[in-house]
């Protein structure tokens, strides 16, 4: 027996450590990432300019401690991000995602606009 999952578990665990979860397994026309709390203070994804417009996509956290596991607010490219997800195009265009973390849930953040679901596919 070999690596039966084709490396998918490794890539999933890397994404989850960055605080991202690709909702539809990368097979959607417009892939979506749900945002969770990263284990790192800062992540820099260097994008290959042969394939993508952006140079880097940076994920930064504020107040990242073992107790602060809840996202309080988010900024994407300097603008408030009031949903708990974003499109893959936001990564490949380059930019910056800043997550402010806290020790209690902010039940107001990220709930107004749910992520697209499989039922949205025509």
N, C-alpha and C. Protein backbone atom coordinates (compact mmCIF):
# COMPACT_ATOMS: atom_id res chain seq x y z
N UNK A 1 0.83 -1.18 0.00
CA UNK A 1 0.00 0.00 0.00
C UNK A 1 0.88 1.25 0.00
N UNK A 2 0.42 2.22 -0.72
CA UNK A 2 1.15 3.48 -0.80
C UNK A 2 0.37 4.60 -0.16
N UNK A 3 0.63 5.76 -0.64
CA UNK A 3 -0.05 6.97 -0.14
C UNK A 3 -1.40 7.06 -0.85
N UNK A 4 -2.39 6.41 -0.29
CA UNK A 4 -3.69 6.26 -0.94
C UNK A 4 -4.47 7.57 -1.09
N UNK A 5 -4.12 8.57 -0.29
CA UNK A 5 -4.90 9.80 -0.38
C UNK A 5 -4.27 10.81 -1.34
N UNK A 6 -3.22 10.40 -2.06
CA UNK A 6 -2.61 11.26 -3.07
C UNK A 6 -2.06 12.56 -2.48
N UNK A 7 -1.76 12.58 -1.20
CA UNK A 7 -1.24 13.78 -0.55
C UNK A 7 -2.30 14.76 -0.10
N UNK A 8 -3.57 14.39 -0.26
CA UNK A 8 -4.65 15.32 0.08
C UNK A 8 -4.72 15.63 1.57
N UNK A 9 -4.44 14.66 2.42
CA UNK A 9 -4.48 14.91 3.86
C UNK A 9 -3.40 15.91 4.26
N UNK A 10 -2.23 15.82 3.64
CA UNK A 10 -1.17 16.78 3.94
C UNK A 10 -1.54 18.18 3.53
N UNK A 11 -2.14 18.33 2.34
CA UNK A 11 -2.53 19.66 1.90
C UNK A 11 -3.68 20.21 2.74
N UNK A 12 -4.60 19.33 3.15
CA UNK A 12 -5.70 19.76 4.02
C UNK A 12 -5.18 20.25 5.36
N UNK A 13 -4.24 19.51 5.94
CA UNK A 13 -3.72 19.93 7.24
C UNK A 13 -2.93 21.24 7.12
N UNK A 14 -2.23 21.45 6.01
CA UNK A 14 -1.52 22.72 5.81
C UNK A 14 -2.51 23.88 5.70
N UNK A 15 -3.58 23.71 4.93
CA UNK A 15 -4.60 24.76 4.81
C UNK A 15 -5.25 25.06 6.15
N UNK A 16 -5.56 24.01 6.90
CA UNK A 16 -6.23 24.22 8.19
C UNK A 16 -5.31 24.93 9.18
N UNK A 17 -4.01 24.65 9.13
CA UNK A 17 -3.06 25.35 10.00
C UNK A 17 -2.99 26.83 9.63
N UNK A 18 -3.26 27.15 8.36
CA UNK A 18 -3.29 28.55 7.92
C UNK A 18 -4.62 29.21 8.22
N UNK A 19 -5.59 28.45 8.72
CA UNK A 19 -6.90 28.99 9.03
C UNK A 19 -7.85 29.02 7.85
N UNK A 20 -7.61 28.14 6.88
CA UNK A 20 -8.45 28.10 5.68
C UNK A 20 -9.02 26.70 5.49
N UNK A 21 -10.23 26.63 4.98
CA UNK A 21 -10.85 25.36 4.62
C UNK A 21 -11.52 25.53 3.28
N UNK A 22 -11.07 24.77 2.28
CA UNK A 22 -11.64 24.87 0.93
C UNK A 22 -12.88 24.00 0.90
N UNK A 23 -13.99 24.65 0.82
CA UNK A 23 -15.29 24.06 1.06
C UNK A 23 -15.69 22.95 0.08
N UNK A 24 -15.37 23.08 -1.16
CA UNK A 24 -15.86 22.12 -2.16
C UNK A 24 -14.74 21.27 -2.77
N UNK A 25 -13.65 21.15 -2.07
CA UNK A 25 -12.57 20.29 -2.54
C UNK A 25 -11.83 20.81 -3.76
N UNK A 26 -11.93 22.09 -4.04
CA UNK A 26 -11.21 22.68 -5.16
C UNK A 26 -11.82 22.43 -6.52
N UNK A 27 -13.01 21.83 -6.57
CA UNK A 27 -13.59 21.49 -7.87
C UNK A 27 -14.70 22.45 -8.31
N UNK A 28 -14.93 23.51 -7.57
CA UNK A 28 -15.97 24.47 -7.93
C UNK A 28 -15.47 25.44 -8.99
N UNK A 29 -16.40 25.99 -9.74
CA UNK A 29 -16.05 27.01 -10.73
C UNK A 29 -15.44 28.23 -10.05
N UNK A 30 -16.00 28.59 -8.90
CA UNK A 30 -15.49 29.70 -8.09
C UNK A 30 -15.18 29.15 -6.69
N UNK A 31 -13.98 28.59 -6.48
CA UNK A 31 -13.66 27.99 -5.18
C UNK A 31 -13.78 29.00 -4.04
N UNK A 32 -14.23 28.51 -2.90
CA UNK A 32 -14.47 29.31 -1.71
C UNK A 32 -13.65 28.75 -0.54
N UNK A 33 -13.06 29.65 0.24
CA UNK A 33 -12.36 29.27 1.47
C UNK A 33 -13.14 29.80 2.66
N UNK A 34 -13.44 28.92 3.61
CA UNK A 34 -13.98 29.37 4.89
C UNK A 34 -12.80 29.72 5.78
N UNK A 35 -12.98 30.71 6.64
CA UNK A 35 -11.90 31.20 7.49
C UNK A 35 -12.06 30.63 8.89
N UNK A 36 -10.97 30.08 9.41
CA UNK A 36 -10.90 29.64 10.79
C UNK A 36 -9.67 30.30 11.42
N UNK A 37 -9.40 30.00 12.65
CA UNK A 37 -8.27 30.62 13.33
C UNK A 37 -6.98 29.91 12.97
N UNK A 38 -6.00 30.63 12.40
CA UNK A 38 -4.72 29.99 12.09
C UNK A 38 -3.89 29.75 13.35
N UNK A 39 -2.95 28.82 13.26
CA UNK A 39 -2.07 28.58 14.40
C UNK A 39 -0.85 29.49 14.35
N UNK A 40 -0.66 30.20 13.27
CA UNK A 40 0.51 31.06 13.10
C UNK A 40 0.11 32.53 13.27
N UNK A 41 1.08 33.36 13.63
CA UNK A 41 0.86 34.80 13.72
C UNK A 41 0.85 35.45 12.34
N UNK A 42 1.67 34.91 11.43
CA UNK A 42 1.76 35.48 10.08
C UNK A 42 2.10 34.36 9.10
N UNK A 43 1.39 34.35 7.99
CA UNK A 43 1.60 33.37 6.92
C UNK A 43 1.76 34.16 5.63
N UNK A 44 2.78 33.84 4.87
CA UNK A 44 2.97 34.48 3.56
C UNK A 44 2.91 33.38 2.51
N UNK A 45 1.96 33.51 1.61
CA UNK A 45 1.84 32.59 0.48
C UNK A 45 2.45 33.30 -0.71
N UNK A 46 3.59 32.82 -1.16
CA UNK A 46 4.26 33.41 -2.34
C UNK A 46 3.61 32.81 -3.59
N UNK A 47 3.11 33.67 -4.43
CA UNK A 47 2.40 33.23 -5.64
C UNK A 47 3.34 33.24 -6.84
N UNK A 48 3.25 32.22 -7.65
CA UNK A 48 4.07 32.12 -8.85
C UNK A 48 3.48 33.02 -9.94
N UNK A 49 4.22 34.04 -10.34
CA UNK A 49 3.72 35.00 -11.32
C UNK A 49 3.56 34.42 -12.72
N UNK A 50 4.03 33.21 -12.94
CA UNK A 50 3.75 32.55 -14.22
C UNK A 50 2.29 32.15 -14.31
N UNK A 51 1.63 32.04 -13.14
CA UNK A 51 0.25 31.56 -13.12
C UNK A 51 -0.73 32.53 -12.48
N UNK A 52 -0.26 33.40 -11.59
CA UNK A 52 -1.17 34.25 -10.82
C UNK A 52 -0.76 35.72 -10.93
N UNK A 53 -1.76 36.60 -10.84
CA UNK A 53 -1.52 38.04 -10.93
C UNK A 53 -0.80 38.60 -9.71
N UNK A 54 -1.15 38.09 -8.54
CA UNK A 54 -0.61 38.63 -7.31
C UNK A 54 0.80 38.15 -7.02
N UNK A 55 1.47 38.88 -6.12
CA UNK A 55 2.81 38.50 -5.70
C UNK A 55 2.77 37.63 -4.45
N UNK A 56 2.08 38.10 -3.40
CA UNK A 56 1.95 37.39 -2.14
C UNK A 56 0.53 37.55 -1.61
N UNK A 57 0.09 36.55 -0.87
CA UNK A 57 -1.13 36.67 -0.06
C UNK A 57 -0.69 36.45 1.37
N UNK A 58 -0.95 37.43 2.24
CA UNK A 58 -0.48 37.40 3.62
C UNK A 58 -1.67 37.28 4.56
N UNK A 59 -1.57 36.35 5.49
CA UNK A 59 -2.57 36.21 6.55
C UNK A 59 -1.88 36.59 7.85
N UNK A 60 -2.44 37.56 8.55
CA UNK A 60 -1.87 38.01 9.82
C UNK A 60 -2.94 37.93 10.91
N UNK A 61 -2.48 37.65 12.14
CA UNK A 61 -3.40 37.63 13.26
C UNK A 61 -3.00 38.69 14.29
N UNK A 62 -3.99 39.18 15.00
CA UNK A 62 -3.77 40.05 16.15
C UNK A 62 -4.28 39.29 17.37
N UNK A 63 -3.53 39.34 18.46
CA UNK A 63 -3.91 38.69 19.72
C UNK A 63 -3.98 37.17 19.60
N UNK A 64 -3.09 36.57 18.82
CA UNK A 64 -3.09 35.12 18.64
C UNK A 64 -2.42 34.44 19.84
N UNK A 65 -3.24 33.86 20.71
CA UNK A 65 -2.75 33.11 21.87
C UNK A 65 -3.55 31.82 21.95
N UNK A 66 -3.12 30.86 22.75
CA UNK A 66 -3.90 29.62 22.90
C UNK A 66 -5.33 29.86 23.40
N UNK A 67 -5.56 30.93 24.14
CA UNK A 67 -6.90 31.24 24.64
C UNK A 67 -7.76 31.95 23.61
N UNK A 68 -7.14 32.69 22.72
CA UNK A 68 -7.87 33.51 21.74
C UNK A 68 -8.09 32.73 20.45
N UNK A 69 -9.12 31.91 20.44
CA UNK A 69 -9.39 31.04 19.30
C UNK A 69 -10.58 31.50 18.46
N UNK A 70 -11.19 32.62 18.84
CA UNK A 70 -12.37 33.10 18.14
C UNK A 70 -12.06 34.35 17.34
N UNK A 71 -12.51 34.37 16.09
CA UNK A 71 -12.32 35.55 15.25
C UNK A 71 -13.31 36.62 15.69
N UNK A 72 -12.79 37.79 15.99
CA UNK A 72 -13.60 38.93 16.41
C UNK A 72 -13.98 39.80 15.22
N UNK A 73 -13.03 39.96 14.30
CA UNK A 73 -13.24 40.76 13.09
C UNK A 73 -12.16 40.40 12.09
N UNK A 74 -12.39 40.82 10.85
CA UNK A 74 -11.42 40.54 9.78
C UNK A 74 -11.37 41.72 8.82
N UNK A 75 -10.19 41.88 8.22
CA UNK A 75 -9.99 42.87 7.17
C UNK A 75 -9.37 42.16 5.98
N UNK A 76 -9.91 42.38 4.80
CA UNK A 76 -9.34 41.82 3.58
C UNK A 76 -8.95 42.98 2.68
N UNK A 77 -7.66 43.12 2.44
CA UNK A 77 -7.13 44.20 1.61
C UNK A 77 -7.59 45.58 2.09
N UNK A 78 -7.54 45.75 3.42
CA UNK A 78 -7.85 47.05 4.01
C UNK A 78 -9.33 47.35 4.18
N UNK A 79 -10.19 46.43 3.79
CA UNK A 79 -11.64 46.62 3.90
C UNK A 79 -12.20 45.62 4.91
N UNK A 80 -13.20 46.03 5.71
CA UNK A 80 -13.81 45.07 6.64
C UNK A 80 -14.38 43.86 5.88
N UNK A 81 -14.11 42.68 6.40
CA UNK A 81 -14.67 41.45 5.84
C UNK A 81 -15.66 40.93 6.87
N UNK A 82 -16.94 41.05 6.56
CA UNK A 82 -17.98 40.70 7.51
C UNK A 82 -18.60 39.34 7.23
N UNK A 83 -17.92 38.54 6.46
CA UNK A 83 -18.36 37.17 6.23
C UNK A 83 -17.19 36.24 6.55
N UNK A 84 -17.49 34.99 6.83
CA UNK A 84 -16.48 34.04 7.28
C UNK A 84 -15.87 33.25 6.12
N UNK A 85 -15.87 33.82 4.94
CA UNK A 85 -15.36 33.14 3.75
C UNK A 85 -14.95 34.18 2.70
N UNK A 86 -14.20 33.69 1.72
CA UNK A 86 -13.85 34.52 0.56
C UNK A 86 -13.52 33.60 -0.60
N UNK A 87 -13.43 34.18 -1.79
CA UNK A 87 -13.17 33.39 -3.00
C UNK A 87 -11.67 33.15 -3.21
N UNK A 88 -11.36 32.08 -3.92
CA UNK A 88 -9.99 31.73 -4.28
C UNK A 88 -9.32 32.88 -5.03
N UNK A 89 -10.07 33.57 -5.85
CA UNK A 89 -9.51 34.69 -6.63
C UNK A 89 -8.91 35.75 -5.72
N UNK A 90 -9.43 35.88 -4.50
CA UNK A 90 -8.87 36.85 -3.56
C UNK A 90 -7.45 36.47 -3.14
N UNK A 91 -7.17 35.19 -3.09
CA UNK A 91 -5.81 34.73 -2.78
C UNK A 91 -4.90 34.96 -3.97
N UNK A 92 -5.30 34.49 -5.14
CA UNK A 92 -4.40 34.52 -6.30
C UNK A 92 -4.18 35.92 -6.86
N UNK A 93 -5.03 36.87 -6.47
CA UNK A 93 -4.79 38.26 -6.85
C UNK A 93 -3.80 38.93 -5.90
N UNK A 94 -3.45 38.23 -4.82
CA UNK A 94 -2.55 38.78 -3.82
C UNK A 94 -3.30 39.71 -2.88
N UNK A 95 -2.73 39.92 -1.72
CA UNK A 95 -3.37 40.81 -0.77
C UNK A 95 -3.05 40.45 0.65
N UNK A 96 -3.93 40.91 1.55
CA UNK A 96 -3.69 40.76 2.98
C UNK A 96 -4.99 40.50 3.71
N UNK A 97 -4.99 39.45 4.53
CA UNK A 97 -6.11 39.13 5.40
C UNK A 97 -5.64 39.29 6.84
N UNK A 98 -6.29 40.16 7.60
CA UNK A 98 -5.94 40.39 9.00
C UNK A 98 -7.10 39.92 9.85
N UNK A 99 -6.80 39.04 10.81
CA UNK A 99 -7.80 38.49 11.71
C UNK A 99 -7.52 38.95 13.13
N UNK A 100 -8.51 39.57 13.76
CA UNK A 100 -8.42 39.98 15.15
C UNK A 100 -9.08 38.88 15.98
N UNK A 101 -8.34 38.30 16.93
CA UNK A 101 -8.81 37.15 17.69
C UNK A 101 -9.14 37.53 19.12
N UNK A 102 -10.03 36.75 19.73
CA UNK A 102 -10.39 36.97 21.13
C UNK A 102 -10.76 35.66 21.81
N UNK A 103 -10.99 35.71 23.11
CA UNK A 103 -11.25 34.51 23.90
C UNK A 103 -12.72 34.11 23.96
N UNK A 104 -13.61 34.97 23.50
CA UNK A 104 -15.04 34.63 23.47
C UNK A 104 -15.57 34.82 22.05
N UNK A 105 -16.56 34.05 21.66
CA UNK A 105 -17.10 34.19 20.30
C UNK A 105 -17.74 35.55 20.08
N UNK A 106 -17.51 36.11 18.90
CA UNK A 106 -18.25 37.28 18.45
C UNK A 106 -19.36 36.73 17.57
N UNK A 107 -20.53 36.59 18.13
CA UNK A 107 -21.65 35.96 17.43
C UNK A 107 -22.25 36.84 16.35
N UNK A 108 -21.74 38.06 16.23
CA UNK A 108 -22.20 38.99 15.19
C UNK A 108 -21.33 38.92 13.93
N UNK A 109 -20.08 38.44 14.09
CA UNK A 109 -19.16 38.44 12.95
C UNK A 109 -19.35 37.20 12.08
N UNK A 110 -19.37 37.41 10.79
CA UNK A 110 -19.33 36.33 9.82
C UNK A 110 -20.61 35.55 9.62
N UNK A 111 -21.74 36.04 10.11
CA UNK A 111 -22.98 35.27 10.03
C UNK A 111 -24.01 35.84 9.06
N UNK A 112 -23.83 37.07 8.62
CA UNK A 112 -24.84 37.72 7.79
C UNK A 112 -24.92 37.11 6.39
N UNK A 113 -23.77 36.72 5.82
CA UNK A 113 -23.75 36.18 4.46
C UNK A 113 -23.12 34.79 4.51
N UNK A 114 -23.93 33.74 4.45
CA UNK A 114 -23.36 32.39 4.50
C UNK A 114 -22.58 32.09 3.23
N UNK A 115 -21.62 31.17 3.33
CA UNK A 115 -20.87 30.80 2.13
C UNK A 115 -21.75 30.11 1.11
N UNK A 116 -21.40 30.22 -0.17
CA UNK A 116 -22.15 29.47 -1.18
C UNK A 116 -22.09 27.99 -0.84
N UNK A 117 -23.16 27.28 -1.12
CA UNK A 117 -23.18 25.85 -0.82
C UNK A 117 -23.37 25.05 -2.10
N UNK A 118 -23.27 23.75 -1.97
CA UNK A 118 -23.47 22.86 -3.12
C UNK A 118 -24.85 23.06 -3.70
N UNK A 119 -25.83 23.45 -2.89
CA UNK A 119 -27.19 23.65 -3.39
C UNK A 119 -27.29 24.90 -4.28
N UNK A 120 -26.26 25.76 -4.25
CA UNK A 120 -26.25 26.94 -5.11
C UNK A 120 -25.82 26.62 -6.54
N UNK A 121 -25.26 25.43 -6.75
CA UNK A 121 -24.77 25.06 -8.07
C UNK A 121 -25.93 24.61 -8.94
N UNK A 122 -26.02 25.21 -10.08
CA UNK A 122 -27.12 24.90 -11.00
C UNK A 122 -26.75 23.70 -11.87
